[in-house]
Every structure is written in C-alpha cells, then in structure tokens.
C-alpha cells in the first residue's frame, strides 16, 4: 500500500512519500490551531487519494493547548478530518501504530504519540549505515535530537521530551528559530564585548545566513522582524541585538557577532554529545547526521574528536527529501509495518 507521511510540528508541517514527494510548509500552529485541519487538507490536495496517512507529531507542546494531551487530541482530530476516507495511522514512541479510535479511547496511549518523530527517524536512518552501535544527530530549525541506536533500534534513555532534555538527547536550540538572547549574554563589540538586548531581535537563522551555512531566500519572511532572509537583513537584525542602528554596525562586525553565537551553539551541542556518548555501553561505530543543520552536527563531532564513520542523510536522500526525513520515515515504516500490526 502507498503511504504519505506527515510530521505535524508547532511551526512546520512536513509531508513526504516514497515516490519522491517532499513538502515542508510553515504553519504557526500556536497562533491558529483551529486552521490545522484545513491546512492539512490543502497539503493533501492533488495527492493520491488512495494513499494512507502515517502521522507523527511534535506540535502538541504548542502553548495554545493547556497541556500536551490536549494538543495530541487536537492534532489527532485535525488529521482525522483531513484524512477523509484515507486509512489513518499514528506512530507512538514505542514504535507502534494506532488508529484514531485507539488514541482517543486511551489517554495513556495518546500521550505516547507526543514527540514521537525522533524514534521513527532513528529506526529509518539506521538502515543507511547498519552497525551494532550507532548515533543519530538530527539538527532542525528548533531542536537537536541525539539518539543512540543499538542493533537498529533506538536506545535512548529518555522517552518524553522532558526525560530526553535531562539525558542530553534533546537540545532545545536549532538553526533557524532559536532567539539569540537564549544562547549568549554578550557579543563582540569594538575590540571588547557588550551585553545584548534580551529581545527576539534576531535568531540563529540570521547567524547562519551571515556565516554562509544557510542560503539567502528573499521570499522567506519568517524572520524575527518579518524582513527577508538575506545576508543584509540578517546583519541589520544582529545590530539590534546591541541596540545599534544598522548603519552603526559594519558587515564584518555583524559576522563576528554571528560567529560568536555559532561557537556557543556548537559548544552546547558538543556538550550534549559528550553526555550521551558517556551513557552508551558501546561507542558508536557510525554516526548519521540529519536535518538542515547537519553542518552543526558535523562541527560538534569534530570538536569532540569523534572517530566513528559519519554519514549525512542529505547525501543519501537528496536535499528535498532529507529536509522532510521524519515524514519520509513515517511513510516508509508504515509501508513495511502497518498491515502486520492490524
């Protein structure tokens, strides 16, 4: 059976299938949760109507919901509405598949759907470089997942996001959405340093636009100030971090600021990597890096002197599918497993 995978997050919806369909769609769930079903229907329009939907989620944490269980229930109902007559299955952090009825009749089961995408991605990614001991590092727009894998199965110490934060397996900072004020207290300025403005004037997206790891996209207005995702606009946003006008901060000075933030984020990821590696019973023989921030994962691995073979999922899948790898994982796993689960 043909399956379409959906990963419904708080800021983005990812859709993919094994036929090469790859869609990443910005959708601020926390601002307009009532529109989620319609948004999903729009994304599915024109796709194979006989295909099943395999769904995972992280959007349940959005603060428009009173708690994560309410968020899960809302996303499940929205997916059910959008699915229409399609077969619909939800992936749990235990690696199992469930129907809408299963999820809504059992609150403990519903809670296991929360933030389950990392588990599915780890199972999917492990096949590209099989080994007894592996590590997956997935760096996205908002978070970094660091997942130990043993014999093809996730071996994380944490299951919930809270547990994974404590274990170092979830680092809540990414390469686009993270406000700079959450990462640094000061920035380089005129040969010294200067305290920053604790406002969302700039994000890590601006950092990596300036350093060149993320390409400019003039049509992308999902930035701190709603201005384009260009190097010049990013430099302007960095200037505001030190309460300066753009004309007061040379491009070279903005780049120095960006490099300082990048170094700090790299250090955070490296520290979490050390924590996770110390907890593993066997050093990983291979490391799989995924997500649009793969460059950050590779830099952090260099910092800790990791000797394992490193494989980049982008090279295996191509940039479009790699950007929606969690959704592709859902489609692939469902095609292999759902009939045997029912």
Foldseek 3Di string as FASTA:
>chain_A
DWAKFWEAEQFWIWIDTPVGDTDIGGDRCLVCVVCLLVVLLVVCPPPDLAHAYEYAYAHLPRPSDPHSLRSLLSVLVSVVSSNVPHHYWAAFLVGAIDHSCVLVVDSVRSVRRHPNLVQLLQLVVCVVPPDQWEWEWEAAQFKIAIFIDGRSGTDDPDRDPVRCVVQLRMDGGHQHDAALLVQDQWFDDDNRIAGWDNDSLFGNLLLCLLVVLDDFDQVDQPTSVSGGSHNLVSCQSLCVRRPHGSVVADSVRSNRRSVVSLVRVLVSNLVSVVSNQVPDPDHGQEYEYAYSVSVSVVSSCVVVVDPHHYHYVCVVSPDRCRNSSSRHSSRVVCVVPVVVND
